[in-house]
C-alpha cells in the first residue's frame, strides 16, 4: 500500500505504521499528536490538523473531508448483535456514521459501555476477532510539586462542582485532594483512575448536575484494568459523542464547572501554549478551549490552567514571550486562573501589567528577577 492517509486522534501502545519500513506507505494526518506518532509527524511522515476536539465530528461530516474507512475497536456483540465502542466513543461515533467501509477489531476484553457507542454487527463490513488487554495508563506516583498544585486546585473547587480533568499526574493529584468534598459531578472529555476512590466514597455522585444528573459523563476513558472493569456495563457511566460532551453550550449548563487543564508554557500576558514546543508539534488543541470556555460561562465556574513553574531541566514555564513557532491554544482573554506550586494567579479582568505581576508572583523564585526585568522592559514597570 502506498500514500495511504491515516487520520487519528490519540493513539496508545506500539504503532507499527510509524516504523521506517513503512515510509511512503502511510501519511499520518493527526488531530492530536500523541507520543506514539510524535516522531513520525515531526519528521515529515505526517502533519497536524489544529482543531477543537468538539469540532472533529463536524470535520468528518464535511464534504471535502470524506472518510473511506473507519478502523474501530469494539466489544463482542450482545445477544441482539450490538457491539460497543467501549472505552472510546468520542470521535469514533462520527467516524462510524460517515465512513464508507467499517473494519472492526472485536475484542473480548473491551468493556461494554452505556451511551452513544453501540453499532450493530450488520453495519461492520470486515472484522478481526482478538482477545487481548487494552493499553493501560497509571499516574499514581505524583511528585511533591504536583501534589502542591493539586491542593491549590482543590481549594478552588466548591462542594457541588462539576469537574473536567484529563489524564496525568496533576489531575490525579487534584482528585486525591477532594476526599472531603461533597456532591461532586463529572462531565469531562475523559477521565482516568483518580475518579474511582471518589466514586466509592460517594464524593462523586453527580446528584447536583443540571444535565445527565446521576451520570458520570465522558467521551473516552484511559487508565488501569480496574477502571475498565468499573465502566463495563455500568449504567452510572455514559460515554457520548464528543460534539455533545465538549460543546461549551452544553458544558455551561452544569453548575460550578471547574475545568483543569495544563500547558507547556504561558507568557506574561496569559497566552497559553499547550500543543507545541516552539515549532515541534507535541500534542494538540484537544478539548482545552472547549472546557475553559464552558467553565467560564457556567454559573460559579472556574477555568484553571495548572502547571509546574519549571520544566524538568529547571527552565521557567512562565516566560516573557512564547517560543518562536509556539501555538497559542488558549488566548489570554480566556484565561482566568493559573496555578503553580507557588500559588494561584487570578487573571480575569486584569490588565497586562497586573497579569505579569500576578504570574511572576507564582513563578519559580530562581526566575523572578529575569521575569521582572522583562516585564519592566515591556511595560515600563509593574
Protein backbone atom coordinates (compact mmCIF):
# COMPACT_ATOMS: atom_id res chain seq x y z
CA UNK A 1 0.00 0.00 0.00
CA UNK A 2 1.29 3.48 -0.87
CA UNK A 3 0.23 7.00 0.08
CA UNK A 4 -2.49 5.94 2.50
CA UNK A 5 -3.67 8.80 4.70
CA UNK A 6 -4.33 7.81 8.32
CA UNK A 7 -6.47 10.22 10.35
CA UNK A 8 -6.26 9.71 14.10
CA UNK A 9 -6.63 11.41 17.47
CA UNK A 10 -4.75 9.90 20.45
CA UNK A 11 -3.10 6.53 19.89
CA UNK A 12 -1.78 4.31 22.67
CA UNK A 13 0.68 1.44 22.59
CA UNK A 14 3.04 0.45 19.80
CA UNK A 15 2.13 1.88 16.40
CA UNK A 16 3.75 -0.26 13.71
CA UNK A 17 2.96 2.04 10.79
CA UNK A 18 5.41 4.67 12.09
CA UNK A 19 8.35 2.32 11.53
CA UNK A 20 10.88 3.24 8.85
CA UNK A 21 9.95 0.17 6.81
CA UNK A 22 6.61 1.84 6.06
CA UNK A 23 8.00 5.17 4.80
CA UNK A 24 5.92 6.15 1.79
CA UNK A 25 3.12 3.78 2.72
CA UNK A 26 1.31 5.83 5.35
CA UNK A 27 0.89 9.55 5.95
CA UNK A 28 -0.34 10.35 9.47
CA UNK A 29 -2.74 13.28 9.45
CA UNK A 30 -3.06 13.69 13.20
CA UNK A 31 -5.81 15.55 15.03
CA UNK A 32 -3.84 15.19 18.28
CA UNK A 33 -0.17 14.23 18.22
CA UNK A 34 0.39 11.60 20.88
CA UNK A 35 3.73 10.12 21.91
CA UNK A 36 3.42 7.10 19.62
CA UNK A 37 3.28 9.20 16.44
CA UNK A 38 5.15 12.34 17.56
CA UNK A 39 8.49 11.47 15.94
CA UNK A 40 6.88 10.47 12.66
CA UNK A 41 4.80 13.65 12.42
CA UNK A 42 7.75 15.92 13.23
CA UNK A 43 9.97 14.02 10.77
CA UNK A 44 7.63 14.85 7.90
CA UNK A 45 5.84 11.50 7.67
CA UNK A 46 2.68 13.18 8.81
CA UNK A 47 1.18 16.50 9.78
CA UNK A 48 -1.08 18.05 12.38
CA UNK A 49 -4.58 19.49 11.99
CA UNK A 50 -5.30 22.17 14.63
CA UNK A 51 -8.92 21.67 15.68
CA UNK A 52 -11.11 21.78 18.76
CA UNK A 53 -11.97 18.26 19.87
CA UNK A 54 -15.66 19.21 19.83
CA UNK A 55 -15.48 20.01 16.11
CA UNK A 56 -13.89 16.78 14.86
CA UNK A 57 -17.26 15.09 14.21
CA UNK A 58 -18.23 18.11 12.08
CA UNK A 59 -14.95 17.75 10.18
CA UNK A 60 -15.73 14.10 9.47
CA UNK A 61 -19.07 15.19 8.01
CA UNK A 62 -17.60 17.95 5.84
CA UNK A 63 -17.99 17.29 2.09
CA UNK A 64 -14.26 17.82 1.40
CA UNK A 65 -13.10 15.51 4.23
CA UNK A 66 -14.64 12.16 3.42
CA UNK A 67 -13.54 9.09 5.35
CA UNK A 68 -13.17 5.99 3.21
CA UNK A 69 -12.58 3.51 6.03
CA UNK A 70 -13.21 3.59 9.78
CA UNK A 71 -10.92 1.36 11.83
CA UNK A 72 -12.65 0.78 15.18
CA UNK A 73 -12.13 -1.29 18.32
CA UNK A 74 -15.30 -2.81 19.76
CA UNK A 75 -16.64 -5.30 22.29
CA UNK A 76 -18.09 -8.65 21.34
CA UNK A 77 -21.71 -8.42 20.17
CA UNK A 78 -24.55 -8.91 22.66
CA UNK A 79 -27.47 -11.27 22.07
CA UNK A 80 -29.08 -8.64 19.83
CA UNK A 81 -25.97 -8.26 17.67
CA UNK A 82 -24.83 -4.92 19.04
CA UNK A 83 -21.15 -4.20 19.69
CA UNK A 84 -19.99 -1.35 21.90
CA UNK A 85 -17.30 1.18 21.00
CA UNK A 86 -16.22 0.59 24.58
CA UNK A 87 -13.78 3.00 26.17
CA UNK A 88 -13.56 5.35 23.17
CA UNK A 89 -16.82 6.76 21.80
CA UNK A 90 -15.62 10.40 21.39
CA UNK A 91 -14.96 10.86 17.63
CA UNK A 92 -15.31 7.16 16.74
CA UNK A 93 -19.08 7.51 16.69
CA UNK A 94 -18.96 10.09 13.89
CA UNK A 95 -16.35 8.05 12.01
CA UNK A 96 -18.67 5.04 12.03
CA UNK A 97 -21.55 7.17 10.78
CA UNK A 98 -19.57 8.78 7.96
CA UNK A 99 -17.11 6.17 6.65
CA UNK A 100 -17.92 4.15 3.54
CA UNK A 101 -16.37 0.99 4.95
CA UNK A 102 -16.03 -0.17 8.57
CA UNK A 103 -13.35 -2.55 9.81
CA UNK A 104 -13.68 -3.58 13.45
CA UNK A 105 -11.32 -5.27 15.84
CA UNK A 106 -13.70 -7.27 18.05
CA UNK A 107 -12.05 -7.73 21.42
CA UNK A 108 -13.41 -9.97 24.18
CA UNK A 109 -11.62 -7.71 26.71
CA UNK A 110 -13.20 -4.45 25.52
CA UNK A 111 -15.76 -3.21 28.08
CA UNK A 112 -19.35 -2.63 27.04
CA UNK A 113 -20.23 0.96 27.87
CA UNK A 114 -23.52 2.77 28.05
CA UNK A 115 -24.22 5.87 25.97
CA UNK A 116 -23.77 6.57 22.26
CA UNK A 117 -21.36 3.80 21.35
CA UNK A 118 -23.49 0.96 20.01
CA UNK A 119 -23.04 -0.42 16.49
CA UNK A 120 -24.87 -3.42 15.08
CA UNK A 121 -22.62 -6.12 13.69
CA UNK A 122 -24.52 -5.92 10.39
CA UNK A 123 -23.02 -2.44 9.87
CA UNK A 124 -19.47 -3.81 10.07
CA UNK A 125 -18.04 -4.79 6.70
CA UNK A 126 -14.98 -6.67 7.99
CA UNK A 127 -13.94 -7.79 11.44
CA UNK A 128 -10.95 -9.29 13.19
CA UNK A 129 -11.51 -11.17 16.44
CA UNK A 130 -8.91 -10.81 19.22
CA UNK A 131 -8.68 -11.42 22.94
CA UNK A 132 -6.05 -9.05 24.29
CA UNK A 133 -5.70 -6.49 27.10
CA UNK A 134 -6.31 -2.81 26.41
CA UNK A 135 -3.38 -0.39 26.75
CA UNK A 136 -3.22 0.95 30.30
CA UNK A 137 -2.00 4.16 31.92
CA UNK A 138 -1.30 4.84 35.57
CA UNK A 139 -0.32 8.20 37.08
CA UNK A 140 -0.49 7.46 40.81
CA UNK A 141 3.14 8.38 41.57
CA UNK A 142 2.84 12.15 41.78
CA UNK A 143 5.72 14.46 42.71
CA UNK A 144 5.59 16.85 45.66
CA UNK A 145 5.30 19.73 43.20
CA UNK A 146 2.23 18.20 41.58
CA UNK A 147 0.72 17.35 44.97
CA UNK A 148 1.06 21.01 45.98
CA UNK A 149 -0.51 22.13 42.71
CA UNK A 150 -3.28 19.61 43.31
CA UNK A 151 -4.05 21.07 46.72
CA UNK A 152 -4.18 24.63 45.39
CA UNK A 153 -6.62 23.49 42.68
CA UNK A 154 -8.69 21.50 45.18
CA UNK A 155 -9.03 24.61 47.35
CA UNK A 156 -10.72 26.35 44.39
CA UNK A 157 -13.29 23.56 43.99
CA UNK A 158 -16.55 24.03 45.87
CA UNK A 159 -18.97 21.36 47.01
CA UNK A 160 -21.45 20.57 44.23
CA UNK A 161 -18.99 21.44 41.46
CA UNK A 162 -18.89 19.65 38.12
CA UNK A 163 -15.38 18.53 37.19
CA UNK A 164 -13.41 18.29 33.97
CA UNK A 165 -9.93 16.87 34.29
CA UNK A 166 -7.75 14.98 31.88
CA UNK A 167 -5.07 12.38 32.34
CA UNK A 168 -1.74 12.90 34.05
CA UNK A 169 -0.16 13.49 37.42
CA UNK A 170 -1.73 16.89 38.09
CA UNK A 171 -5.35 15.79 37.52
CA UNK A 172 -4.69 12.71 39.64
CA UNK A 173 -3.16 14.90 42.36
CA UNK A 174 -6.20 17.19 42.34
CA UNK A 175 -8.59 14.26 42.68
CA UNK A 176 -6.58 12.85 45.58
CA UNK A 177 -7.21 16.09 47.49
CA UNK A 178 -11.00 16.01 47.15
CA UNK A 179 -11.94 13.27 49.62
CA UNK A 180 -13.62 15.76 52.00
CA UNK A 181 -15.73 17.40 49.30
CA UNK A 182 -19.40 16.66 48.78
CA UNK A 183 -21.74 16.05 45.86
CA UNK A 184 -19.26 16.47 43.03
CA UNK A 185 -20.19 15.69 39.44
CA UNK A 186 -18.17 14.74 36.39
CA UNK A 187 -18.68 15.98 32.84
CA UNK A 188 -15.38 15.64 31.04
CA UNK A 189 -13.86 14.66 27.71
CA UNK A 190 -12.06 11.83 29.51
CA UNK A 191 -11.33 10.50 32.96
CA UNK A 192 -8.85 8.10 34.49
CA UNK A 193 -8.17 6.09 37.64
CA UNK A 194 -8.35 9.03 40.04
CA UNK A 195 -12.15 9.16 39.99
CA UNK A 196 -12.59 5.63 41.35
CA UNK A 197 -11.85 6.30 45.06
CA UNK A 198 -14.12 9.36 44.98
CA UNK A 199 -16.99 7.40 43.43
CA UNK A 200 -16.53 4.65 46.02
CA UNK A 201 -16.64 7.22 48.85
CA UNK A 202 -19.71 8.93 47.42
CA UNK A 203 -17.82 12.20 46.93
CA UNK A 204 -18.61 11.98 43.20
CA UNK A 205 -22.32 11.22 42.92
CA UNK A 206 -23.46 13.59 40.14
CA UNK A 207 -26.60 14.49 42.07
CA UNK A 208 -26.39 18.26 41.57
CA UNK A 209 -25.71 18.36 37.85
CA UNK A 210 -28.26 20.04 35.61
CA UNK A 211 -27.58 17.78 32.63
CA UNK A 212 -27.22 14.00 32.81
CA UNK A 213 -27.96 14.05 36.52
CA UNK A 214 -26.75 10.92 38.27
CA UNK A 215 -24.45 10.08 35.36
CA UNK A 216 -20.68 10.30 35.05
CA UNK A 217 -20.28 11.71 31.53
CA UNK A 218 -17.22 11.45 29.27
CA UNK A 219 -16.16 10.85 25.69
CA UNK A 220 -13.47 8.26 26.47
CA UNK A 221 -11.53 6.73 29.36
CA UNK A 222 -7.88 5.74 29.73
CA UNK A 223 -6.49 4.02 32.79
CA UNK A 224 -5.97 0.71 34.53
CA UNK A 225 -7.79 -2.58 34.12
CA UNK A 226 -9.68 -1.67 37.30
CA UNK A 227 -11.03 1.42 35.54
CA UNK A 228 -12.08 -0.62 32.51
CA UNK A 229 -13.85 -3.09 34.81
CA UNK A 230 -15.61 -0.16 36.52
CA UNK A 231 -17.07 1.22 33.30
CA UNK A 232 -18.03 -2.22 31.94
CA UNK A 233 -21.84 -2.39 31.74
CA UNK A 234 -22.08 0.37 34.38
CA UNK A 235 -25.25 2.45 33.85
CA UNK A 236 -23.78 5.20 36.06
CA UNK A 237 -21.19 5.90 33.33
CA UNK A 238 -22.20 7.18 29.89
CA UNK A 239 -19.70 7.70 27.08
CA UNK A 240 -21.10 10.08 24.48
CA UNK A 241 -20.30 11.73 21.16
CA UNK A 242 -17.63 14.35 21.75
CA UNK A 243 -19.58 17.00 19.83
CA UNK A 244 -22.03 16.91 22.75
CA UNK A 245 -19.64 16.32 25.64
CA UNK A 246 -17.28 19.14 24.63
CA UNK A 247 -19.84 21.67 23.41
CA UNK A 248 -19.35 24.81 25.55
CA UNK A 249 -23.09 25.47 25.29
CA UNK A 250 -23.68 22.08 26.94
CA UNK A 251 -20.84 22.37 29.45
CA UNK A 252 -22.00 25.74 30.78
CA UNK A 253 -25.41 24.35 31.76
CA UNK A 254 -23.94 22.38 34.64
CA UNK A 255 -23.24 24.25 37.91
CA UNK A 256 -19.81 25.37 39.10
CA UNK A 257 -17.89 23.72 36.28
CA UNK A 258 -14.20 23.51 37.19
CA UNK A 259 -12.01 22.81 34.16
CA UNK A 260 -8.40 21.98 34.97
CA UNK A 261 -6.01 21.85 32.05
CA UNK A 262 -2.25 22.09 31.69
CA UNK A 263 0.23 23.91 29.48
CA UNK A 264 3.72 23.72 28.09
CA UNK A 265 4.35 27.43 28.70
CA UNK A 266 2.49 30.65 29.40
CA UNK A 267 3.69 34.16 28.68
CA UNK A 268 3.44 37.17 30.97
CA UNK A 269 0.20 38.32 29.36
CA UNK A 270 -1.52 34.97 29.84
CA UNK A 271 -1.18 33.40 26.39
CA UNK A 272 -1.11 29.62 26.77
CA UNK A 273 0.86 27.24 24.57
CA UNK A 274 -0.27 23.68 25.21
CA UNK A 275 0.39 21.84 21.96
CA UNK A 276 3.93 22.59 20.78
CA UNK A 277 7.48 23.26 21.91
CA UNK A 278 8.39 26.02 19.54
CA UNK A 279 7.92 24.51 16.09
CA UNK A 280 7.93 20.92 17.36
CA UNK A 281 4.41 19.54 17.48
CA UNK A 282 3.95 17.88 20.86
CA UNK A 283 0.22 17.23 21.26
CA UNK A 284 -2.85 19.12 20.10
CA UNK A 285 -5.57 21.64 20.89
CA UNK A 286 -7.78 18.86 22.21
CA UNK A 287 -10.60 19.95 24.47
CA UNK A 288 -8.80 22.62 26.47
CA UNK A 289 -10.59 25.57 24.90
CA UNK A 290 -13.93 23.76 24.83
CA UNK A 291 -13.90 23.31 28.59
CA UNK A 292 -12.17 26.51 29.64
CA UNK A 293 -14.84 28.48 27.78
CA UNK A 294 -17.64 26.26 29.05
CA UNK A 295 -16.42 26.63 32.63
CA UNK A 296 -16.14 30.41 32.30
CA UNK A 297 -19.79 30.55 31.19
CA UNK A 298 -21.02 28.14 33.87
CA UNK A 299 -22.66 29.70 36.97
CA UNK A 300 -19.84 29.77 39.52
CA UNK A 301 -17.49 28.06 37.08
CA UNK A 302 -13.69 28.24 37.21
CA UNK A 303 -11.39 27.70 34.22
CA UNK A 304 -7.92 26.74 35.50
CA UNK A 305 -4.54 26.30 33.85
CA UNK A 306 -2.31 24.25 36.17
CA UNK A 307 1.37 23.63 35.53
CA UNK A 308 4.69 23.27 37.37
CA UNK A 309 6.67 26.50 37.48
CA UNK A 310 9.62 24.91 35.68
CA UNK A 311 10.43 22.08 33.30
CA UNK A 312 12.36 19.01 34.45
CA UNK A 313 15.51 20.89 33.36
CA UNK A 314 14.70 23.91 35.52
CA UNK A 315 13.54 26.19 32.68
CA UNK A 316 10.73 28.54 33.62
CA UNK A 317 7.33 27.67 32.15
CA UNK A 318 6.23 31.24 32.77
CA UNK A 319 8.08 33.20 30.12
CA UNK A 320 8.36 36.77 28.82
CA UNK A 321 7.36 35.52 25.35
CA UNK A 322 6.25 32.20 23.92
CA UNK A 323 8.90 30.37 21.91
CA UNK A 324 9.12 31.23 18.22
CA UNK A 325 6.68 28.99 16.38
CA UNK A 326 4.70 28.08 19.51
CA UNK A 327 0.96 27.68 19.08
CA UNK A 328 -1.49 29.67 21.20
CA UNK A 329 -4.08 27.11 22.27
CA UNK A 330 -5.81 29.33 24.82
CA UNK A 331 -5.88 33.09 24.33
CA UNK A 332 -5.14 35.49 27.15
CA UNK A 333 -8.77 36.59 27.06
CA UNK A 334 -9.89 33.07 28.02
CA UNK A 335 -7.52 32.52 30.95
CA UNK A 336 -8.91 33.10 34.45
CA UNK A 337 -6.86 31.08 36.95
CA UNK A 338 -3.25 29.94 36.64
CA UNK A 339 -1.88 27.60 39.31
CA UNK A 340 1.70 26.52 40.03
CA UNK A 341 3.27 25.07 43.16
CA UNK A 342 3.82 28.67 44.28
CA UNK A 343 0.16 29.66 44.36
CA UNK A 344 -2.78 30.92 42.32
CA UNK A 345 -2.81 33.86 39.90
CA UNK A 346 -6.27 35.22 39.06
CA UNK A 347 -6.03 36.99 35.69
CA UNK A 348 -9.66 37.69 34.78
CA UNK A 349 -10.21 41.43 34.46
CA UNK A 350 -6.52 42.21 34.96
CA UNK A 351 -4.59 44.46 32.59
CA UNK A 352 -1.29 43.35 31.08
CA UNK A 353 0.87 44.83 33.84
CA UNK A 354 -1.30 43.29 36.55
CA UNK A 355 -1.23 39.93 34.81
CA UNK A 356 2.54 40.00 34.57
CA UNK A 357 2.84 40.83 38.27
CA UNK A 358 0.44 38.03 39.25
CA UNK A 359 2.23 35.45 37.11
CA UNK A 360 5.68 36.48 38.33
CA UNK A 361 4.39 36.01 41.88
CA UNK A 362 3.70 32.29 41.20
CA UNK A 363 6.81 31.69 39.10
CA UNK A 364 9.85 29.86 40.43
CA UNK A 365 11.95 32.17 42.68
CA UNK A 366 15.05 31.44 40.60
CA UNK A 367 13.43 33.10 37.57
CA UNK A 368 11.57 36.01 39.09
CA UNK A 369 14.37 38.54 38.61
CA UNK A 370 14.57 37.67 34.91
CA UNK A 371 10.79 37.93 34.52
CA UNK A 372 10.62 41.22 36.42
CA UNK A 373 13.32 42.68 34.17
CA UNK A 374 11.44 41.53 31.06
CA UNK A 375 8.19 42.99 32.38
CA UNK A 376 9.87 46.29 33.15
CA UNK A 377 11.36 46.47 29.65
CA UNK A 378 7.98 45.70 28.09
CA UNK A 379 5.60 47.67 30.30
CA UNK A 380 7.88 50.26 31.90
CA UNK A 381 7.22 48.92 35.38
CA UNK A 382 4.60 46.90 37.23
